[in-house]
């Protein structure tokens, strides 16, 4: 098993070039979906979900929260109800 890099909220924001507030929303939704514990750092396994959410928001105009929920569900194979 490969050990994955972990990122604080600020490090993840720097990694993906986004505002910390949006990454906090990403973390909260991941926690609500039981993908992380409330105090857990994000790992590189969340980067594909972030890429999908960012594309949905930027290219298709989907609201951040809906884009994040959809992307996390898609990448992690879980059923997600819209907010």
PDB file of N, CA and C in Angstrom:
ATOM      1  N   UNK A   1       0.840  -1.180   0.000  1.00  0.00           N
ATOM      2  CA  UNK A   1       0.000   0.000   0.000  1.00  0.00           C
ATOM      3  C   UNK A   1       0.887   1.246   0.000  1.00  0.00           C
ATOM      4  N   UNK A   2       0.611   2.130  -0.925  1.00  0.00           N
ATOM      5  CA  UNK A   2       1.380   3.370  -1.031  1.00  0.00           C
ATOM      6  C   UNK A   2       0.882   4.378   0.004  1.00  0.00           C
ATOM      7  N   UNK A   3       1.798   5.002   0.696  1.00  0.00           N
ATOM      8  CA  UNK A   3       1.442   6.059   1.630  1.00  0.00           C
ATOM      9  C   UNK A   3       1.191   7.328   0.826  1.00  0.00           C
ATOM     10  N   UNK A   4       0.052   7.953   1.076  1.00  0.00           N
ATOM     11  CA  UNK A   4      -0.328   9.139   0.319  1.00  0.00           C
ATOM     12  C   UNK A   4       0.102  10.409   1.039  1.00  0.00           C
ATOM     13  N   UNK A   5       0.403  11.407   0.243  1.00  0.00           N
ATOM     14  CA  UNK A   5       0.682  12.727   0.803  1.00  0.00           C
ATOM     15  C   UNK A   5      -0.588  13.266   1.444  1.00  0.00           C
ATOM     16  N   UNK A   6      -0.426  13.980   2.546  1.00  0.00           N
ATOM     17  CA  UNK A   6      -1.564  14.634   3.190  1.00  0.00           C
ATOM     18  C   UNK A   6      -1.379  16.142   3.104  1.00  0.00           C
ATOM     19  N   UNK A   7      -2.507  16.843   3.140  1.00  0.00           N
ATOM     20  CA  UNK A   7      -2.482  18.290   2.990  1.00  0.00           C
ATOM     21  C   UNK A   7      -3.381  18.947   4.036  1.00  0.00           C
ATOM     22  N   UNK A   8      -2.871  19.981   4.671  1.00  0.00           N
ATOM     23  CA  UNK A   8      -3.730  20.826   5.498  1.00  0.00           C
ATOM     24  C   UNK A   8      -4.662  21.574   4.545  1.00  0.00           C
ATOM     25  N   UNK A   9      -5.631  22.247   5.089  1.00  0.00           N
ATOM     26  CA  UNK A   9      -6.549  23.030   4.256  1.00  0.00           C
ATOM     27  C   UNK A   9      -5.779  24.031   3.405  1.00  0.00           C
ATOM     28  N   UNK A  10      -4.844  24.715   4.033  1.00  0.00           N
ATOM     29  CA  UNK A  10      -4.062  25.729   3.323  1.00  0.00           C
ATOM     30  C   UNK A  10      -3.172  25.101   2.253  1.00  0.00           C
ATOM     31  N   UNK A  11      -2.558  23.964   2.566  1.00  0.00           N
ATOM     32  CA  UNK A  11      -1.694  23.280   1.595  1.00  0.00           C
ATOM     33  C   UNK A  11      -2.507  22.770   0.407  1.00  0.00           C
ATOM     34  N   UNK A  12      -3.695  22.225   0.675  1.00  0.00           N
ATOM     35  CA  UNK A  12      -4.546  21.742  -0.410  1.00  0.00           C
ATOM     36  C   UNK A  12      -4.959  22.914  -1.297  1.00  0.00           C
ATOM     37  N   UNK A  13      -5.313  24.036  -0.677  1.00  0.00           N
ATOM     38  CA  UNK A  13      -5.682  25.234  -1.438  1.00  0.00           C
ATOM     39  C   UNK A  13      -4.527  25.682  -2.331  1.00  0.00           C
ATOM     40  N   UNK A  14      -3.317  25.689  -1.795  1.00  0.00           N
ATOM     41  CA  UNK A  14      -2.134  26.041  -2.592  1.00  0.00           C
ATOM     42  C   UNK A  14      -1.924  25.040  -3.719  1.00  0.00           C
ATOM     43  N   UNK A  15      -2.102  23.758  -3.422  1.00  0.00           N
ATOM     44  CA  UNK A  15      -1.892  22.683  -4.399  1.00  0.00           C
ATOM     45  C   UNK A  15      -2.820  22.841  -5.604  1.00  0.00           C
ATOM     46  N   UNK A  16      -4.082  23.206  -5.341  1.00  0.00           N
ATOM     47  CA  UNK A  16      -5.062  23.290  -6.427  1.00  0.00           C
ATOM     48  C   UNK A  16      -5.333  24.717  -6.900  1.00  0.00           C
ATOM     49  N   UNK A  17      -4.720  25.700  -6.238  1.00  0.00           N
ATOM     50  CA  UNK A  17      -4.881  27.090  -6.654  1.00  0.00           C
ATOM     51  C   UNK A  17      -6.263  27.662  -6.382  1.00  0.00           C
ATOM     52  N   UNK A  18      -6.791  27.360  -5.216  1.00  0.00           N
ATOM     53  CA  UNK A  18      -8.137  27.828  -4.862  1.00  0.00           C
ATOM     54  C   UNK A  18      -8.125  28.497  -3.504  1.00  0.00           C
ATOM     55  N   UNK A  19      -9.182  29.231  -3.197  1.00  0.00           N
ATOM     56  CA  UNK A  19      -9.311  29.909  -1.911  1.00  0.00           C
ATOM     57  C   UNK A  19      -9.515  28.897  -0.788  1.00  0.00           C
ATOM     58  N   UNK A  20      -8.956  29.204   0.362  1.00  0.00           N
ATOM     59  CA  UNK A  20      -9.061  28.329   1.532  1.00  0.00           C
ATOM     60  C   UNK A  20     -10.526  28.095   1.900  1.00  0.00           C
ATOM     61  N   UNK A  21     -11.359  29.105   1.788  1.00  0.00           N
ATOM     62  CA  UNK A  21     -12.773  28.962   2.160  1.00  0.00           C
ATOM     63  C   UNK A  21     -13.474  27.880   1.341  1.00  0.00           C
ATOM     64  N   UNK A  22     -13.158  27.792   0.063  1.00  0.00           N
ATOM     65  CA  UNK A  22     -13.769  26.765  -0.785  1.00  0.00           C
ATOM     66  C   UNK A  22     -13.257  25.383  -0.387  1.00  0.00           C
ATOM     67  N   UNK A  23     -11.988  25.284  -0.043  1.00  0.00           N
ATOM     68  CA  UNK A  23     -11.433  23.997   0.386  1.00  0.00           C
ATOM     69  C   UNK A  23     -12.044  23.584   1.721  1.00  0.00           C
ATOM     70  N   UNK A  24     -12.312  24.528   2.588  1.00  0.00           N
ATOM     71  CA  UNK A  24     -13.003  24.201   3.850  1.00  0.00           C
ATOM     72  C   UNK A  24     -14.390  23.619   3.555  1.00  0.00           C
ATOM     73  N   UNK A  25     -15.090  24.192   2.597  1.00  0.00           N
ATOM     74  CA  UNK A  25     -16.389  23.646   2.187  1.00  0.00           C
ATOM     75  C   UNK A  25     -16.217  22.228   1.659  1.00  0.00           C
ATOM     76  N   UNK A  26     -15.196  22.005   0.859  1.00  0.00           N
ATOM     77  CA  UNK A  26     -14.878  20.676   0.326  1.00  0.00           C
ATOM     78  C   UNK A  26     -14.663  19.690   1.476  1.00  0.00           C
ATOM     79  N   UNK A  27     -13.890  20.104   2.486  1.00  0.00           N
ATOM     80  CA  UNK A  27     -13.636  19.249   3.648  1.00  0.00           C
ATOM     81  C   UNK A  27     -14.915  18.961   4.425  1.00  0.00           C
ATOM     82  N   UNK A  28     -15.731  19.960   4.630  1.00  0.00           N
ATOM     83  CA  UNK A  28     -16.977  19.770   5.379  1.00  0.00           C
ATOM     84  C   UNK A  28     -17.885  18.776   4.669  1.00  0.00           C
ATOM     85  N   UNK A  29     -18.003  18.898   3.369  1.00  0.00           N
ATOM     86  CA  UNK A  29     -18.843  17.970   2.612  1.00  0.00           C
ATOM     87  C   UNK A  29     -18.246  16.568   2.648  1.00  0.00           C
ATOM     88  N   UNK A  30     -16.933  16.445   2.535  1.00  0.00           N
ATOM     89  CA  UNK A  30     -16.285  15.127   2.651  1.00  0.00           C
ATOM     90  C   UNK A  30     -16.562  14.518   4.021  1.00  0.00           C
ATOM     91  N   UNK A  31     -16.551  15.335   5.052  1.00  0.00           N
ATOM     92  CA  UNK A  31     -16.865  14.864   6.405  1.00  0.00           C
ATOM     93  C   UNK A  31     -18.330  14.446   6.495  1.00  0.00           C
ATOM     94  N   UNK A  32     -19.243  15.259   5.950  1.00  0.00           N
ATOM     95  CA  UNK A  32     -20.672  14.924   5.962  1.00  0.00           C
ATOM     96  C   UNK A  32     -20.941  13.602   5.252  1.00  0.00           C
ATOM     97  N   UNK A  33     -20.143  13.286   4.244  1.00  0.00           N
ATOM     98  CA  UNK A  33     -20.296  12.041   3.488  1.00  0.00           C
ATOM     99  C   UNK A  33     -19.508  10.888   4.106  1.00  0.00           C
ATOM    100  N   UNK A  34     -18.950  11.123   5.288  1.00  0.00           N
ATOM    101  CA  UNK A  34     -18.169  10.116   6.018  1.00  0.00           C
ATOM    102  C   UNK A  34     -16.931   9.648   5.265  1.00  0.00           C
ATOM    103  N   UNK A  35     -16.340  10.539   4.492  1.00  0.00           N
ATOM    104  CA  UNK A  35     -15.105  10.210   3.782  1.00  0.00           C
ATOM    105  C   UNK A  35     -13.872  10.554   4.608  1.00  0.00           C
ATOM    106  N   UNK A  36     -14.023  11.486   5.542  1.00  0.00           N
ATOM    107  CA  UNK A  36     -12.938  11.858   6.455  1.00  0.00           C
ATOM    108  C   UNK A  36     -13.527  12.120   7.833  1.00  0.00           C
ATOM    109  N   UNK A  37     -12.667  12.103   8.842  1.00  0.00           N
ATOM    110  CA  UNK A  37     -13.050  12.537  10.181  1.00  0.00           C
ATOM    111  C   UNK A  37     -12.964  14.061  10.213  1.00  0.00           C
ATOM    112  N   UNK A  38     -13.618  14.683  11.167  1.00  0.00           N
ATOM    113  CA  UNK A  38     -13.679  16.149  11.195  1.00  0.00           C
ATOM    114  C   UNK A  38     -12.308  16.815  11.291  1.00  0.00           C
ATOM    115  N   UNK A  39     -11.351  16.150  11.911  1.00  0.00           N
ATOM    116  CA  UNK A  39     -10.022  16.746  12.084  1.00  0.00           C
ATOM    117  C   UNK A  39      -8.968  16.143  11.151  1.00  0.00           C
ATOM    118  N   UNK A  40      -9.398  15.341  10.201  1.00  0.00           N
ATOM    119  CA  UNK A  40      -8.480  14.627   9.320  1.00  0.00           C
ATOM    120  C   UNK A  40      -8.009  15.504   8.163  1.00  0.00           C
ATOM    121  N   UNK A  41      -6.747  15.334   7.794  1.00  0.00           N
ATOM    122  CA  UNK A  41      -6.188  16.047   6.647  1.00  0.00           C
ATOM    123  C   UNK A  41      -6.670  15.407   5.352  1.00  0.00           C
ATOM    124  N   UNK A  42      -6.723  16.191   4.303  1.00  0.00           N
ATOM    125  CA  UNK A  42      -7.046  15.651   2.989  1.00  0.00           C
ATOM    126  C   UNK A  42      -5.816  14.949   2.425  1.00  0.00           C
ATOM    127  N   UNK A  43      -6.042  13.911   1.649  1.00  0.00           N
ATOM    128  CA  UNK A  43      -4.938  13.197   1.006  1.00  0.00           C
ATOM    129  C   UNK A  43      -4.998  13.441  -0.500  1.00  0.00           C
ATOM    130  N   UNK A  44      -3.966  12.987  -1.178  1.00  0.00           N
ATOM    131  CA  UNK A  44      -3.925  13.164  -2.624  1.00  0.00           C
ATOM    132  C   UNK A  44      -5.041  12.394  -3.326  1.00  0.00           C
ATOM    133  N   UNK A  45      -5.674  11.436  -2.649  1.00  0.00           N
ATOM    134  CA  UNK A  45      -6.791  10.710  -3.261  1.00  0.00           C
ATOM    135  C   UNK A  45      -7.993  11.625  -3.510  1.00  0.00           C
ATOM    136  N   UNK A  46      -8.018  12.793  -2.869  1.00  0.00           N
ATOM    137  CA  UNK A  46      -9.102  13.750  -3.078  1.00  0.00           C
ATOM    138  C   UNK A  46      -8.857  14.664  -4.276  1.00  0.00           C
ATOM    139  N   UNK A  47      -7.668  14.655  -4.840  1.00  0.00           N
ATOM    140  CA  UNK A  47      -7.363  15.543  -5.970  1.00  0.00           C
ATOM    141  C   UNK A  47      -8.240  15.287  -7.196  1.00  0.00           C
ATOM    142  N   UNK A  48      -8.511  14.019  -7.584  1.00  0.00           N
ATOM    143  CA  UNK A  48      -9.406  13.808  -8.732  1.00  0.00           C
ATOM    144  C   UNK A  48     -10.818  14.354  -8.492  1.00  0.00           C
ATOM    145  N   UNK A  49     -11.316  14.219  -7.265  1.00  0.00           N
ATOM    146  CA  UNK A  49     -12.641  14.769  -6.945  1.00  0.00           C
ATOM    147  C   UNK A  49     -12.605  16.285  -7.049  1.00  0.00           C
ATOM    148  N   UNK A  50     -11.519  16.872  -6.571  1.00  0.00           N
ATOM    149  CA  UNK A  50     -11.402  18.324  -6.672  1.00  0.00           C
ATOM    150  C   UNK A  50     -11.402  18.758  -8.130  1.00  0.00           C
ATOM    151  N   UNK A  51     -10.628  18.067  -8.977  1.00  0.00           N
ATOM    152  CA  UNK A  51     -10.561  18.420 -10.396  1.00  0.00           C
ATOM    153  C   UNK A  51     -11.946  18.377 -11.038  1.00  0.00           C
ATOM    154  N   UNK A  52     -12.711  17.335 -10.725  1.00  0.00           N
ATOM    155  CA  UNK A  52     -14.063  17.201 -11.270  1.00  0.00           C
ATOM    156  C   UNK A  52     -14.956  18.335 -10.786  1.00  0.00           C
ATOM    157  N   UNK A  53     -14.916  18.622  -9.489  1.00  0.00           N
ATOM    158  CA  UNK A  53     -15.742  19.700  -8.925  1.00  0.00           C
ATOM    159  C   UNK A  53     -15.376  21.041  -9.544  1.00  0.00           C
ATOM    160  N   UNK A  54     -14.096  21.290  -9.695  1.00  0.00           N
ATOM    161  CA  UNK A  54     -13.633  22.563 -10.249  1.00  0.00           C
ATOM    162  C   UNK A  54     -14.100  22.722 -11.696  1.00  0.00           C
ATOM    163  N   UNK A  55     -14.030  21.644 -12.469  1.00  0.00           N
ATOM    164  CA  UNK A  55     -14.484  21.698 -13.859  1.00  0.00           C
ATOM    165  C   UNK A  55     -15.987  21.954 -13.937  1.00  0.00           C
ATOM    166  N   UNK A  56     -16.756  21.251 -13.105  1.00  0.00           N
ATOM    167  CA  UNK A  56     -18.205  21.462 -13.096  1.00  0.00           C
ATOM    168  C   UNK A  56     -18.549  22.904 -12.749  1.00  0.00           C
ATOM    169  N   UNK A  57     -17.846  23.451 -11.775  1.00  0.00           N
ATOM    170  CA  UNK A  57     -18.123  24.826 -11.349  1.00  0.00           C
ATOM    171  C   UNK A  57     -17.683  25.837 -12.406  1.00  0.00           C
ATOM    172  N   UNK A  58     -16.466  25.708 -12.879  1.00  0.00           N
ATOM    173  CA  UNK A  58     -15.900  26.703 -13.796  1.00  0.00           C
ATOM    174  C   UNK A  58     -16.455  26.616 -15.214  1.00  0.00           C
ATOM    175  N   UNK A  59     -16.597  25.399 -15.717  1.00  0.00           N
ATOM    176  CA  UNK A  59     -16.990  25.233 -17.114  1.00  0.00           C
ATOM    177  C   UNK A  59     -18.493  25.131 -17.319  1.00  0.00           C
ATOM    178  N   UNK A  60     -19.202  24.597 -16.314  1.00  0.00           N
ATOM    179  CA  UNK A  60     -20.634  24.369 -16.491  1.00  0.00           C
ATOM    180  C   UNK A  60     -21.500  25.215 -15.565  1.00  0.00           C
ATOM    181  N   UNK A  61     -20.870  26.008 -14.698  1.00  0.00           N
ATOM    182  CA  UNK A  61     -21.620  26.909 -13.841  1.00  0.00           C
ATOM    183  C   UNK A  61     -22.377  26.258 -12.700  1.00  0.00           C
ATOM    184  N   UNK A  62     -22.000  25.044 -12.340  1.00  0.00           N
ATOM    185  CA  UNK A  62     -22.652  24.349 -11.229  1.00  0.00           C
ATOM    186  C   UNK A  62     -22.200  24.996  -9.919  1.00  0.00           C
ATOM    187  N   UNK A  63     -23.136  25.204  -8.994  1.00  0.00           N
ATOM    188  CA  UNK A  63     -22.796  25.775  -7.686  1.00  0.00           C
ATOM    189  C   UNK A  63     -21.729  24.915  -7.012  1.00  0.00           C
ATOM    190  N   UNK A  64     -20.827  25.559  -6.248  1.00  0.00           N
ATOM    191  CA  UNK A  64     -19.720  24.842  -5.618  1.00  0.00           C
ATOM    192  C   UNK A  64     -20.186  23.622  -4.828  1.00  0.00           C
ATOM    193  N   UNK A  65     -21.147  23.795  -3.933  1.00  0.00           N
ATOM    194  CA  UNK A  65     -21.550  22.682  -3.069  1.00  0.00           C
ATOM    195  C   UNK A  65     -22.084  21.509  -3.874  1.00  0.00           C
ATOM    196  N   UNK A  66     -22.897  21.774  -4.891  1.00  0.00           N
ATOM    197  CA  UNK A  66     -23.423  20.698  -5.726  1.00  0.00           C
ATOM    198  C   UNK A  66     -22.309  20.020  -6.520  1.00  0.00           C
ATOM    199  N   UNK A  67     -21.395  20.820  -7.041  1.00  0.00           N
ATOM    200  CA  UNK A  67     -20.271  20.264  -7.799  1.00  0.00           C
ATOM    201  C   UNK A  67     -19.399  19.379  -6.914  1.00  0.00           C
ATOM    202  N   UNK A  68     -19.150  19.825  -5.689  1.00  0.00           N
ATOM    203  CA  UNK A  68     -18.316  19.059  -4.756  1.00  0.00           C
ATOM    204  C   UNK A  68     -19.003  17.754  -4.378  1.00  0.00           C
ATOM    205  N   UNK A  69     -20.289  17.814  -4.048  1.00  0.00           N
ATOM    206  CA  UNK A  69     -21.027  16.591  -3.686  1.00  0.00           C
ATOM    207  C   UNK A  69     -20.998  15.580  -4.831  1.00  0.00           C
ATOM    208  N   UNK A  70     -21.292  16.055  -6.042  1.00  0.00           N
ATOM    209  CA  UNK A  70     -21.297  15.168  -7.196  1.00  0.00           C
ATOM    210  C   UNK A  70     -19.926  14.536  -7.402  1.00  0.00           C
ATOM    211  N   UNK A  71     -18.889  15.360  -7.362  1.00  0.00           N
ATOM    212  CA  UNK A  71     -17.532  14.876  -7.625  1.00  0.00           C
ATOM    213  C   UNK A  71     -17.074  13.867  -6.576  1.00  0.00           C
ATOM    214  N   UNK A  72     -17.328  14.146  -5.310  1.00  0.00           N
ATOM    215  CA  UNK A  72     -16.937  13.199  -4.257  1.00  0.00           C
ATOM    216  C   UNK A  72     -17.686  11.884  -4.422  1.00  0.00           C
ATOM    217  N   UNK A  73     -18.974  11.954  -4.736  1.00  0.00           N
ATOM    218  CA  UNK A  73     -19.751  10.741  -4.957  1.00  0.00           C
ATOM    219  C   UNK A  73     -19.224   9.932  -6.126  1.00  0.00           C
ATOM    220  N   UNK A  74     -18.904  10.622  -7.211  1.00  0.00           N
ATOM    221  CA  UNK A  74     -18.398   9.946  -8.408  1.00  0.00           C
ATOM    222  C   UNK A  74     -17.049   9.281  -8.141  1.00  0.00           C
ATOM    223  N   UNK A  75     -16.125  10.018  -7.575  1.00  0.00           N
ATOM    224  CA  UNK A  75     -14.768   9.502  -7.364  1.00  0.00           C
ATOM    225  C   UNK A  75     -14.731   8.390  -6.319  1.00  0.00           C
ATOM    226  N   UNK A  76     -15.522   8.541  -5.257  1.00  0.00           N
ATOM    227  CA  UNK A  76     -15.477   7.561  -4.179  1.00  0.00           C
ATOM    228  C   UNK A  76     -16.595   6.526  -4.255  1.00  0.00           C
ATOM    229  N   UNK A  77     -17.393   6.570  -5.321  1.00  0.00           N
ATOM    230  CA  UNK A  77     -18.402   5.549  -5.565  1.00  0.00           C
ATOM    231  C   UNK A  77     -19.513   5.486  -4.534  1.00  0.00           C
ATOM    232  N   UNK A  78     -19.973   6.656  -4.097  1.00  0.00           N
ATOM    233  CA  UNK A  78     -21.063   6.677  -3.126  1.00  0.00           C
ATOM    234  C   UNK A  78     -22.249   7.444  -3.698  1.00  0.00           C
ATOM    235  N   UNK A  79     -23.424   7.085  -3.240  1.00  0.00           N
ATOM    236  CA  UNK A  79     -24.639   7.763  -3.667  1.00  0.00           C
ATOM    237  C   UNK A  79     -24.771   9.063  -2.889  1.00  0.00           C
ATOM    238  N   UNK A  80     -24.971  10.145  -3.608  1.00  0.00           N
ATOM    239  CA  UNK A  80     -25.046  11.461  -2.981  1.00  0.00           C
ATOM    240  C   UNK A  80     -26.337  12.136  -3.414  1.00  0.00           C
ATOM    241  N   UNK A  81     -27.099  12.586  -2.437  1.00  0.00           N
ATOM    242  CA  UNK A  81     -28.312  13.354  -2.731  1.00  0.00           C
ATOM    243  C   UNK A  81     -27.935  14.814  -2.903  1.00  0.00           C
ATOM    244  N   UNK A  82     -28.560  15.493  -3.860  1.00  0.00           N
ATOM    245  CA  UNK A  82     -28.275  16.924  -4.016  1.00  0.00           C
ATOM    246  C   UNK A  82     -28.634  17.683  -2.746  1.00  0.00           C
ATOM    247  N   UNK A  83     -27.941  18.793  -2.504  1.00  0.00           N
ATOM    248  CA  UNK A  83     -28.201  19.586  -1.292  1.00  0.00           C
ATOM    249  C   UNK A  83     -29.521  20.315  -1.381  1.00  0.00           C
TER     250      UNK A  83
END
